[in-house]
N, C-alpha and C. Protein backbone atom coordinates (compact mmCIF):
# COMPACT_ATOMS: atom_id res chain seq x y z
N MET A 1 67.27 -190.36 6.94
CA MET A 1 67.95 -189.63 7.88
C MET A 1 67.11 -188.67 8.57
N PRO A 2 66.35 -189.11 9.56
CA PRO A 2 65.51 -188.10 10.20
C PRO A 2 66.36 -187.08 10.94
N GLY A 3 67.49 -187.30 11.49
CA GLY A 3 68.21 -186.38 12.24
C GLY A 3 68.86 -185.29 11.39
N LEU A 4 69.21 -185.70 10.20
CA LEU A 4 69.69 -184.65 9.20
C LEU A 4 68.54 -183.78 8.74
N GLU A 5 67.46 -184.37 8.42
CA GLU A 5 66.22 -183.57 8.05
C GLU A 5 65.80 -182.59 9.06
N ASP A 6 65.85 -182.96 10.32
CA ASP A 6 65.49 -182.14 11.34
C ASP A 6 66.59 -180.98 11.49
N LEU A 7 67.74 -181.29 11.35
CA LEU A 7 68.80 -180.21 11.28
C LEU A 7 68.51 -179.10 10.07
N TYR A 8 68.16 -179.74 9.13
CA TYR A 8 67.98 -178.88 7.91
C TYR A 8 66.76 -178.08 8.11
N ARG A 9 65.66 -178.70 8.72
CA ARG A 9 64.46 -177.88 8.97
C ARG A 9 64.76 -176.71 9.96
N GLU A 10 65.53 -177.06 10.79
CA GLU A 10 65.92 -175.95 11.88
C GLU A 10 66.79 -174.82 11.23
N ILE A 11 67.70 -175.18 10.30
CA ILE A 11 68.53 -174.15 9.55
C ILE A 11 67.46 -173.24 8.71
N ILE A 12 66.56 -173.89 8.06
CA ILE A 12 65.62 -173.25 7.25
C ILE A 12 64.73 -172.18 8.15
N LEU A 13 64.29 -172.66 9.22
CA LEU A 13 63.34 -171.99 10.13
C LEU A 13 64.22 -170.86 10.82
N ASP A 14 65.50 -171.01 11.08
CA ASP A 14 66.36 -170.08 11.71
C ASP A 14 66.58 -168.92 10.75
N HIS A 15 66.67 -169.12 9.40
CA HIS A 15 66.94 -168.02 8.35
C HIS A 15 65.59 -167.52 8.06
N TYR A 16 64.49 -168.16 8.19
CA TYR A 16 63.21 -167.43 8.13
C TYR A 16 62.85 -166.56 9.32
N ARG A 17 63.12 -166.99 10.44
CA ARG A 17 62.82 -166.22 11.72
C ARG A 17 63.78 -165.11 11.85
N ASN A 18 64.98 -165.25 11.54
CA ASN A 18 66.05 -164.42 11.73
C ASN A 18 66.93 -164.05 10.45
N PRO A 19 66.16 -163.45 9.43
CA PRO A 19 66.85 -163.32 8.15
C PRO A 19 68.08 -162.46 8.20
N ARG A 20 69.13 -162.94 7.47
CA ARG A 20 70.37 -162.25 7.40
C ARG A 20 70.25 -161.15 6.34
N ASN A 21 71.07 -160.09 6.49
CA ASN A 21 71.10 -159.04 5.54
C ASN A 21 69.80 -158.47 5.06
N ARG A 22 68.85 -158.41 5.92
CA ARG A 22 67.55 -157.79 5.68
C ARG A 22 67.54 -156.29 5.55
N GLY A 23 66.95 -155.64 4.70
CA GLY A 23 66.97 -154.19 4.61
C GLY A 23 67.15 -153.72 3.31
N GLU A 24 67.59 -152.48 3.24
CA GLU A 24 67.77 -151.71 1.86
C GLU A 24 69.11 -151.03 1.74
N LEU A 25 69.50 -150.79 0.63
CA LEU A 25 70.82 -149.94 0.31
C LEU A 25 70.27 -148.80 -0.42
N PRO A 26 71.00 -147.66 -0.33
CA PRO A 26 70.68 -146.49 -1.14
C PRO A 26 70.94 -146.93 -2.77
N THR A 27 69.85 -146.39 -3.50
CA THR A 27 70.09 -146.67 -4.89
C THR A 27 70.11 -145.37 -5.57
N PRO A 28 71.00 -144.90 -6.43
CA PRO A 28 72.26 -145.62 -6.60
C PRO A 28 73.21 -145.36 -5.31
N PRO A 29 74.37 -146.00 -5.11
CA PRO A 29 75.03 -146.74 -5.98
C PRO A 29 74.55 -148.21 -6.12
N ALA A 30 73.80 -148.67 -5.16
CA ALA A 30 73.33 -149.96 -5.25
C ALA A 30 72.14 -150.24 -6.36
N ARG A 31 72.09 -151.43 -6.78
CA ARG A 31 71.11 -151.75 -7.85
C ARG A 31 69.90 -152.39 -7.17
N LYS A 32 68.76 -152.08 -7.38
CA LYS A 32 67.57 -152.74 -6.88
C LYS A 32 66.92 -153.60 -7.92
N VAL A 33 66.79 -154.94 -7.54
CA VAL A 33 66.18 -155.93 -8.57
C VAL A 33 65.10 -156.63 -7.85
N GLU A 34 64.03 -156.68 -8.40
CA GLU A 34 62.77 -157.40 -7.87
C GLU A 34 62.57 -158.77 -8.61
N GLY A 35 62.17 -159.60 -7.83
CA GLY A 35 61.80 -160.94 -8.37
C GLY A 35 60.26 -161.39 -7.84
N PHE A 36 59.49 -162.04 -8.57
CA PHE A 36 58.24 -162.26 -8.14
C PHE A 36 57.76 -163.73 -8.79
N ASN A 37 57.23 -164.51 -7.94
CA ASN A 37 56.65 -165.75 -8.37
C ASN A 37 55.09 -165.71 -8.34
N PRO A 38 54.59 -165.52 -9.57
CA PRO A 38 53.20 -165.34 -9.62
C PRO A 38 52.36 -166.53 -9.25
N LEU A 39 52.95 -167.82 -9.18
CA LEU A 39 52.29 -169.00 -8.73
C LEU A 39 51.86 -169.04 -7.32
N CYS A 40 52.68 -168.42 -6.51
CA CYS A 40 52.45 -168.49 -4.99
C CYS A 40 52.53 -167.09 -4.32
N GLY A 41 52.91 -166.08 -5.15
CA GLY A 41 52.90 -164.67 -4.41
C GLY A 41 54.14 -164.24 -3.89
N ASP A 42 55.19 -165.08 -3.88
CA ASP A 42 56.47 -164.78 -3.19
C ASP A 42 57.16 -163.57 -3.99
N GLU A 43 57.62 -162.63 -3.14
CA GLU A 43 58.34 -161.42 -3.66
C GLU A 43 59.58 -161.35 -3.01
N ILE A 44 60.62 -161.03 -3.88
CA ILE A 44 62.00 -160.90 -3.43
C ILE A 44 62.65 -159.63 -3.95
N VAL A 45 63.35 -158.68 -3.14
CA VAL A 45 63.90 -157.60 -3.56
C VAL A 45 65.42 -157.73 -3.21
N VAL A 46 66.31 -157.58 -4.23
CA VAL A 46 67.68 -157.71 -3.77
C VAL A 46 68.20 -156.33 -4.11
N TYR A 47 68.91 -155.85 -3.08
CA TYR A 47 69.82 -154.57 -3.31
C TYR A 47 71.08 -155.05 -3.29
N LEU A 48 71.66 -154.79 -4.53
CA LEU A 48 73.10 -155.21 -4.86
C LEU A 48 74.09 -154.02 -5.09
N ASP A 49 75.23 -154.22 -4.42
CA ASP A 49 76.22 -153.16 -4.53
C ASP A 49 77.50 -153.89 -5.08
N VAL A 50 77.82 -153.83 -6.28
CA VAL A 50 78.94 -154.46 -6.99
C VAL A 50 80.04 -153.39 -7.23
N GLU A 51 81.20 -153.55 -6.54
CA GLU A 51 82.39 -152.69 -6.69
C GLU A 51 83.58 -153.53 -6.99
N ASP A 52 84.31 -153.23 -8.15
CA ASP A 52 85.47 -153.74 -8.42
C ASP A 52 85.47 -155.31 -8.58
N GLY A 53 84.45 -155.75 -9.16
CA GLY A 53 84.22 -157.18 -9.38
C GLY A 53 83.81 -157.98 -8.18
N LYS A 54 83.41 -157.28 -7.17
CA LYS A 54 83.16 -157.87 -5.95
C LYS A 54 81.59 -157.54 -5.43
N VAL A 55 80.98 -158.39 -4.92
CA VAL A 55 79.66 -158.08 -4.14
C VAL A 55 79.88 -157.37 -2.81
N ALA A 56 80.06 -156.07 -2.95
CA ALA A 56 80.59 -155.29 -1.77
C ALA A 56 79.49 -155.31 -0.71
N ASP A 57 78.31 -155.15 -0.96
CA ASP A 57 77.19 -155.36 -0.11
C ASP A 57 75.93 -155.90 -0.79
N LEU A 58 75.10 -156.45 0.03
CA LEU A 58 73.91 -157.08 -0.53
C LEU A 58 72.76 -157.04 0.56
N ARG A 59 71.59 -156.61 0.37
CA ARG A 59 70.45 -156.69 1.21
C ARG A 59 69.28 -157.23 0.57
N ILE A 60 68.40 -157.75 1.35
CA ILE A 60 67.15 -158.42 0.83
C ILE A 60 66.02 -157.93 1.41
N GLY A 61 64.83 -157.92 0.80
CA GLY A 61 63.60 -157.47 1.28
C GLY A 61 62.51 -158.41 0.58
N GLY A 62 61.33 -158.19 0.82
CA GLY A 62 60.22 -158.95 0.17
C GLY A 62 59.40 -159.80 1.26
N GLN A 63 58.52 -160.57 0.68
CA GLN A 63 57.77 -161.40 1.63
C GLN A 63 57.38 -162.68 0.71
N GLY A 64 56.98 -163.65 1.57
CA GLY A 64 56.55 -164.91 0.88
C GLY A 64 56.72 -166.08 2.01
N CYS A 65 56.78 -167.27 1.42
CA CYS A 65 56.80 -168.38 2.21
C CYS A 65 58.13 -168.68 2.88
N SER A 66 58.14 -169.52 3.93
CA SER A 66 59.44 -169.75 4.59
C SER A 66 60.58 -170.17 3.71
N ILE A 67 60.24 -170.95 2.64
CA ILE A 67 61.28 -171.39 1.75
C ILE A 67 61.87 -170.21 0.94
N SER A 68 61.01 -169.34 0.35
CA SER A 68 61.54 -168.31 -0.36
C SER A 68 62.35 -167.32 0.37
N GLN A 69 62.00 -167.07 1.61
CA GLN A 69 62.50 -166.01 2.53
C GLN A 69 63.85 -166.57 3.10
N SER A 70 63.76 -167.88 3.59
CA SER A 70 64.95 -168.48 4.07
C SER A 70 66.13 -168.56 3.06
N SER A 71 65.61 -169.04 1.84
CA SER A 71 66.68 -169.19 0.64
C SER A 71 67.32 -167.84 0.35
N ALA A 72 66.56 -166.74 0.31
CA ALA A 72 67.09 -165.34 0.23
C ALA A 72 68.10 -165.01 1.17
N SER A 73 67.81 -165.28 2.53
CA SER A 73 68.67 -164.98 3.64
C SER A 73 69.98 -165.92 3.46
N MET A 74 69.95 -167.05 3.17
CA MET A 74 71.04 -167.99 3.03
C MET A 74 71.87 -167.57 1.76
N MET A 75 71.16 -167.10 0.70
CA MET A 75 71.94 -166.67 -0.42
C MET A 75 72.66 -165.41 -0.08
N SER A 76 71.93 -164.53 0.61
CA SER A 76 72.68 -163.24 1.05
C SER A 76 74.05 -163.39 1.79
N ALA A 77 73.85 -164.29 2.74
CA ALA A 77 75.00 -164.71 3.62
C ALA A 77 76.10 -165.37 2.86
N ALA A 78 75.76 -166.18 1.77
CA ALA A 78 76.70 -166.92 0.98
C ALA A 78 77.46 -166.06 0.16
N VAL A 79 76.85 -165.06 -0.50
CA VAL A 79 77.36 -164.34 -1.69
C VAL A 79 77.94 -162.87 -1.14
N ARG A 80 77.62 -162.39 -0.13
CA ARG A 80 78.09 -161.08 0.28
C ARG A 80 79.54 -161.06 0.55
N GLY A 81 80.29 -160.19 -0.02
CA GLY A 81 81.76 -160.10 0.19
C GLY A 81 82.57 -160.97 -0.80
N LYS A 82 81.81 -161.73 -1.72
CA LYS A 82 82.47 -162.63 -2.59
C LYS A 82 82.75 -161.93 -3.89
N SER A 83 83.54 -162.39 -4.75
CA SER A 83 83.80 -161.93 -5.96
C SER A 83 82.43 -162.26 -6.84
N VAL A 84 82.37 -161.42 -7.98
CA VAL A 84 81.13 -161.76 -8.87
C VAL A 84 81.27 -163.18 -9.41
N GLU A 85 82.54 -163.63 -9.66
CA GLU A 85 82.66 -164.97 -10.31
C GLU A 85 82.31 -166.03 -9.30
N GLU A 86 82.76 -165.74 -7.92
CA GLU A 86 82.27 -166.64 -6.89
C GLU A 86 80.75 -166.69 -6.68
N ALA A 87 80.18 -165.60 -6.81
CA ALA A 87 78.73 -165.48 -6.56
C ALA A 87 78.01 -166.20 -7.86
N ARG A 88 78.49 -166.14 -8.97
CA ARG A 88 77.90 -166.79 -10.28
C ARG A 88 78.17 -168.33 -9.97
N ALA A 89 79.42 -168.79 -9.43
CA ALA A 89 79.58 -170.07 -9.26
C ALA A 89 78.57 -170.63 -8.23
N LEU A 90 78.31 -170.01 -7.22
CA LEU A 90 77.38 -170.40 -6.16
C LEU A 90 75.94 -170.50 -6.91
N ILE A 91 75.52 -169.53 -7.68
CA ILE A 91 74.30 -169.53 -8.30
C ILE A 91 74.20 -170.74 -9.19
N ARG A 92 75.18 -171.08 -9.97
CA ARG A 92 75.14 -172.30 -10.88
C ARG A 92 75.11 -173.53 -9.90
N ALA A 93 75.91 -173.58 -8.92
CA ALA A 93 75.92 -174.83 -8.03
C ALA A 93 74.41 -174.94 -7.38
N PHE A 94 73.91 -173.99 -6.87
CA PHE A 94 72.65 -174.02 -6.20
C PHE A 94 71.48 -174.49 -7.15
N LYS A 95 71.51 -173.90 -8.39
CA LYS A 95 70.38 -174.26 -9.35
C LYS A 95 70.69 -175.68 -9.87
N ALA A 96 72.00 -176.03 -9.96
CA ALA A 96 72.33 -177.42 -10.49
C ALA A 96 71.89 -178.46 -9.36
N MET A 97 71.95 -178.03 -7.95
CA MET A 97 71.47 -179.03 -7.00
C MET A 97 70.07 -179.05 -6.99
N MET A 98 69.36 -177.88 -7.24
CA MET A 98 67.85 -178.09 -7.48
C MET A 98 67.46 -178.76 -8.65
N SER A 99 68.16 -178.65 -9.84
CA SER A 99 67.71 -179.30 -11.02
C SER A 99 68.05 -180.82 -11.10
N ILE A 100 69.18 -181.12 -10.55
CA ILE A 100 69.58 -182.67 -10.34
C ILE A 100 68.50 -183.36 -9.63
N HIS A 101 68.02 -182.80 -8.50
CA HIS A 101 67.12 -183.35 -7.51
C HIS A 101 65.74 -183.36 -8.36
N GLU A 102 65.34 -182.31 -9.05
CA GLU A 102 64.22 -182.11 -9.80
C GLU A 102 64.22 -183.34 -10.92
N SER A 103 65.20 -183.54 -11.60
CA SER A 103 65.38 -184.47 -12.71
C SER A 103 65.24 -185.90 -12.14
N LYS A 104 65.80 -186.22 -10.94
CA LYS A 104 65.51 -187.45 -10.30
C LYS A 104 64.17 -187.70 -10.15
N LEU A 105 63.44 -186.82 -9.69
CA LEU A 105 61.95 -186.88 -9.44
C LEU A 105 61.13 -187.21 -10.66
N ASP A 106 61.64 -186.57 -11.68
CA ASP A 106 60.98 -186.73 -13.03
C ASP A 106 61.34 -188.02 -13.64
N GLY A 107 62.37 -188.67 -13.19
CA GLY A 107 62.86 -189.93 -13.67
C GLY A 107 63.83 -189.73 -14.93
N GLU A 108 64.37 -188.55 -15.02
CA GLU A 108 65.25 -188.30 -16.15
C GLU A 108 66.73 -188.97 -15.68
N PRO A 109 67.51 -189.32 -16.62
CA PRO A 109 68.91 -189.83 -16.25
C PRO A 109 69.74 -188.56 -15.78
N GLU A 110 70.57 -188.81 -14.80
CA GLU A 110 71.33 -187.59 -14.29
C GLU A 110 72.34 -187.16 -15.24
N ALA A 111 72.80 -187.89 -16.26
CA ALA A 111 73.72 -187.36 -17.15
C ALA A 111 73.24 -186.26 -18.03
N GLU A 112 71.95 -186.08 -17.96
CA GLU A 112 71.42 -185.03 -18.85
C GLU A 112 71.30 -183.58 -18.21
N THR A 113 71.61 -183.64 -16.82
CA THR A 113 71.66 -182.31 -16.01
C THR A 113 73.00 -181.87 -15.68
N SER A 114 73.13 -180.57 -15.38
CA SER A 114 74.49 -180.10 -15.11
C SER A 114 74.81 -180.34 -13.59
N ALA A 115 76.02 -180.93 -13.39
CA ALA A 115 76.16 -181.42 -12.06
C ALA A 115 76.87 -180.23 -11.31
N PRO A 116 76.56 -180.06 -9.98
CA PRO A 116 77.05 -178.96 -9.21
C PRO A 116 78.72 -179.08 -9.16
N ASP A 117 79.48 -177.99 -9.12
CA ASP A 117 80.84 -177.99 -9.13
C ASP A 117 81.29 -178.50 -7.77
N PRO A 118 81.97 -179.62 -7.70
CA PRO A 118 82.43 -180.03 -6.31
C PRO A 118 83.29 -179.12 -5.55
N GLU A 119 83.82 -178.07 -6.16
CA GLU A 119 84.75 -177.18 -5.65
C GLU A 119 84.06 -176.03 -4.83
N VAL A 120 82.73 -175.91 -5.19
CA VAL A 120 81.86 -174.84 -4.66
C VAL A 120 81.33 -175.41 -3.29
N LYS A 121 81.76 -174.91 -2.22
CA LYS A 121 81.13 -175.29 -0.88
C LYS A 121 79.78 -174.72 -0.59
N MET A 122 78.83 -175.52 -0.49
CA MET A 122 77.36 -175.14 -0.31
C MET A 122 77.06 -174.74 1.19
N GLY A 123 77.65 -175.39 2.13
CA GLY A 123 77.44 -174.92 3.50
C GLY A 123 75.90 -175.28 3.80
N ASP A 124 75.36 -174.18 4.51
CA ASP A 124 73.94 -174.38 4.92
C ASP A 124 72.93 -174.51 3.72
N LEU A 125 73.37 -174.01 2.70
CA LEU A 125 72.52 -174.10 1.47
C LEU A 125 71.98 -175.50 1.26
N GLU A 126 72.89 -176.40 1.50
CA GLU A 126 72.40 -177.94 1.43
C GLU A 126 71.15 -178.22 2.08
N ALA A 127 70.74 -177.41 3.13
CA ALA A 127 69.52 -177.55 3.91
C ALA A 127 68.41 -177.40 2.89
N LEU A 128 68.49 -176.71 1.87
CA LEU A 128 67.39 -176.43 0.92
C LEU A 128 67.18 -177.63 0.01
N GLN A 129 68.10 -178.64 -0.10
CA GLN A 129 67.85 -179.70 -0.92
C GLN A 129 66.68 -180.48 -0.79
N GLY A 130 66.20 -180.57 0.40
CA GLY A 130 64.92 -181.27 0.82
C GLY A 130 63.64 -180.68 0.10
N VAL A 131 63.79 -179.52 -0.36
CA VAL A 131 62.64 -178.79 -1.10
C VAL A 131 62.32 -179.55 -2.24
N VAL A 132 63.27 -180.28 -2.88
CA VAL A 132 62.98 -180.86 -4.20
C VAL A 132 61.89 -182.09 -4.00
N LYS A 133 61.72 -182.42 -2.73
CA LYS A 133 60.67 -183.50 -2.57
C LYS A 133 59.28 -182.82 -2.90
N PHE A 134 59.21 -181.63 -3.01
CA PHE A 134 58.00 -180.85 -3.28
C PHE A 134 58.25 -179.96 -4.47
N PRO A 135 58.06 -180.56 -5.85
CA PRO A 135 58.66 -179.84 -6.90
C PRO A 135 57.96 -178.40 -7.04
N VAL A 136 56.89 -178.24 -6.70
CA VAL A 136 56.18 -176.81 -6.80
C VAL A 136 56.94 -175.77 -5.94
N ARG A 137 57.71 -176.32 -4.88
CA ARG A 137 58.41 -175.44 -4.15
C ARG A 137 59.86 -174.99 -4.62
N ILE A 138 60.24 -175.69 -5.55
CA ILE A 138 61.61 -175.40 -6.29
C ILE A 138 61.65 -173.91 -6.65
N LYS A 139 60.58 -173.45 -7.31
CA LYS A 139 60.64 -171.98 -7.78
C LYS A 139 60.67 -171.05 -6.48
N CYS A 140 60.17 -171.54 -5.38
CA CYS A 140 60.31 -170.69 -4.23
C CYS A 140 61.77 -170.58 -3.74
N ALA A 141 62.46 -171.77 -3.76
CA ALA A 141 63.91 -171.71 -3.32
C ALA A 141 64.73 -170.98 -4.31
N THR A 142 64.48 -171.08 -5.63
CA THR A 142 65.27 -170.43 -6.59
C THR A 142 65.07 -168.88 -6.98
N LEU A 143 63.98 -168.51 -6.45
CA LEU A 143 63.54 -167.08 -6.78
C LEU A 143 64.66 -166.08 -6.48
N SER A 144 65.17 -166.12 -5.21
CA SER A 144 66.14 -165.05 -4.86
C SER A 144 67.56 -165.27 -5.74
N TRP A 145 67.77 -166.46 -6.00
CA TRP A 145 68.95 -166.71 -6.82
C TRP A 145 68.84 -166.25 -8.33
N ASN A 146 67.79 -166.43 -8.82
CA ASN A 146 67.42 -165.86 -10.25
C ASN A 146 67.32 -164.33 -10.11
N THR A 147 66.95 -163.78 -9.08
CA THR A 147 66.96 -162.38 -8.87
C THR A 147 68.35 -161.81 -8.75
N LEU A 148 69.12 -162.45 -8.02
CA LEU A 148 70.49 -162.10 -7.82
C LEU A 148 71.28 -162.13 -9.18
N GLN A 149 71.03 -163.34 -9.92
CA GLN A 149 71.59 -163.43 -11.33
C GLN A 149 71.23 -162.27 -12.23
N GLN A 150 69.97 -161.90 -12.20
CA GLN A 150 69.48 -160.76 -13.01
C GLN A 150 70.40 -159.50 -12.54
N GLY A 151 70.48 -159.26 -11.32
CA GLY A 151 71.12 -158.11 -10.73
C GLY A 151 72.70 -157.96 -11.22
N LEU A 152 73.28 -159.35 -11.15
CA LEU A 152 74.68 -159.31 -11.50
C LEU A 152 74.75 -159.11 -12.99
N ASP A 153 73.83 -159.57 -13.84
CA ASP A 153 73.88 -159.43 -15.32
C ASP A 153 73.70 -157.97 -15.54
N GLU A 154 72.82 -157.26 -14.95
CA GLU A 154 72.55 -155.83 -15.01
C GLU A 154 73.81 -155.03 -14.76
N ALA A 155 74.44 -155.33 -13.54
CA ALA A 155 75.62 -154.72 -13.14
C ALA A 155 76.75 -154.79 -14.06
N GLU A 156 76.87 -156.01 -14.69
CA GLU A 156 77.90 -156.33 -15.63
C GLU A 156 77.62 -155.43 -17.01
N THR A 157 76.41 -155.44 -17.44
CA THR A 157 76.00 -154.71 -18.60
C THR A 157 76.40 -153.20 -18.40
N ASN A 158 75.89 -152.68 -17.22
CA ASN A 158 76.08 -151.33 -16.93
C ASN A 158 77.66 -150.99 -16.86
N ALA A 159 78.36 -151.79 -16.27
CA ALA A 159 79.90 -151.51 -16.16
C ALA A 159 80.47 -151.53 -17.63
N GLU A 160 80.05 -152.46 -18.61
CA GLU A 160 80.50 -152.49 -19.78
C GLU A 160 80.10 -151.14 -20.59
N VAL A 161 79.02 -150.68 -20.37
CA VAL A 161 78.52 -149.42 -21.17
C VAL A 161 79.39 -148.33 -20.54
N SER A 162 79.55 -148.23 -19.30
CA SER A 162 80.29 -147.18 -18.76
C SER A 162 81.72 -147.15 -19.06
N ALA A 163 82.33 -148.29 -19.50
CA ALA A 163 83.75 -148.31 -19.83
C ALA A 163 84.15 -147.83 -21.09
């Protein structure tokens, strides 16, 4: 489907050239979490403000390839304003989309991978599924998601300690 691949390429380039939610938030109250991919040098900084079980605000920073930076932009637009549970569901769905395709490339049966939740609407994030044709780039696409997950885990742990 060349038309669909062209559309996906345009979505990725748009998020790379015009990143959403770029910038910083004051820490505290926001939490600063950094992710780094030593294989290619991608760096992601996520500023995360979680209030009352909701991602109240989120900003991204860093540098790297178009895949890592556009994935961070798409991630920030997808989770900002969502509940922590919805954000975690998006993280699981995105990583499942990447791992299912990665498993297909490795020749593993699909049943052994976790399937994405059909209830989770991926929207523009589906544009990144083409990345799996280049397995070395999957880590670029998932870097911001892993960093967000770390930030949510830290926020949750901090909330439990404070309670």
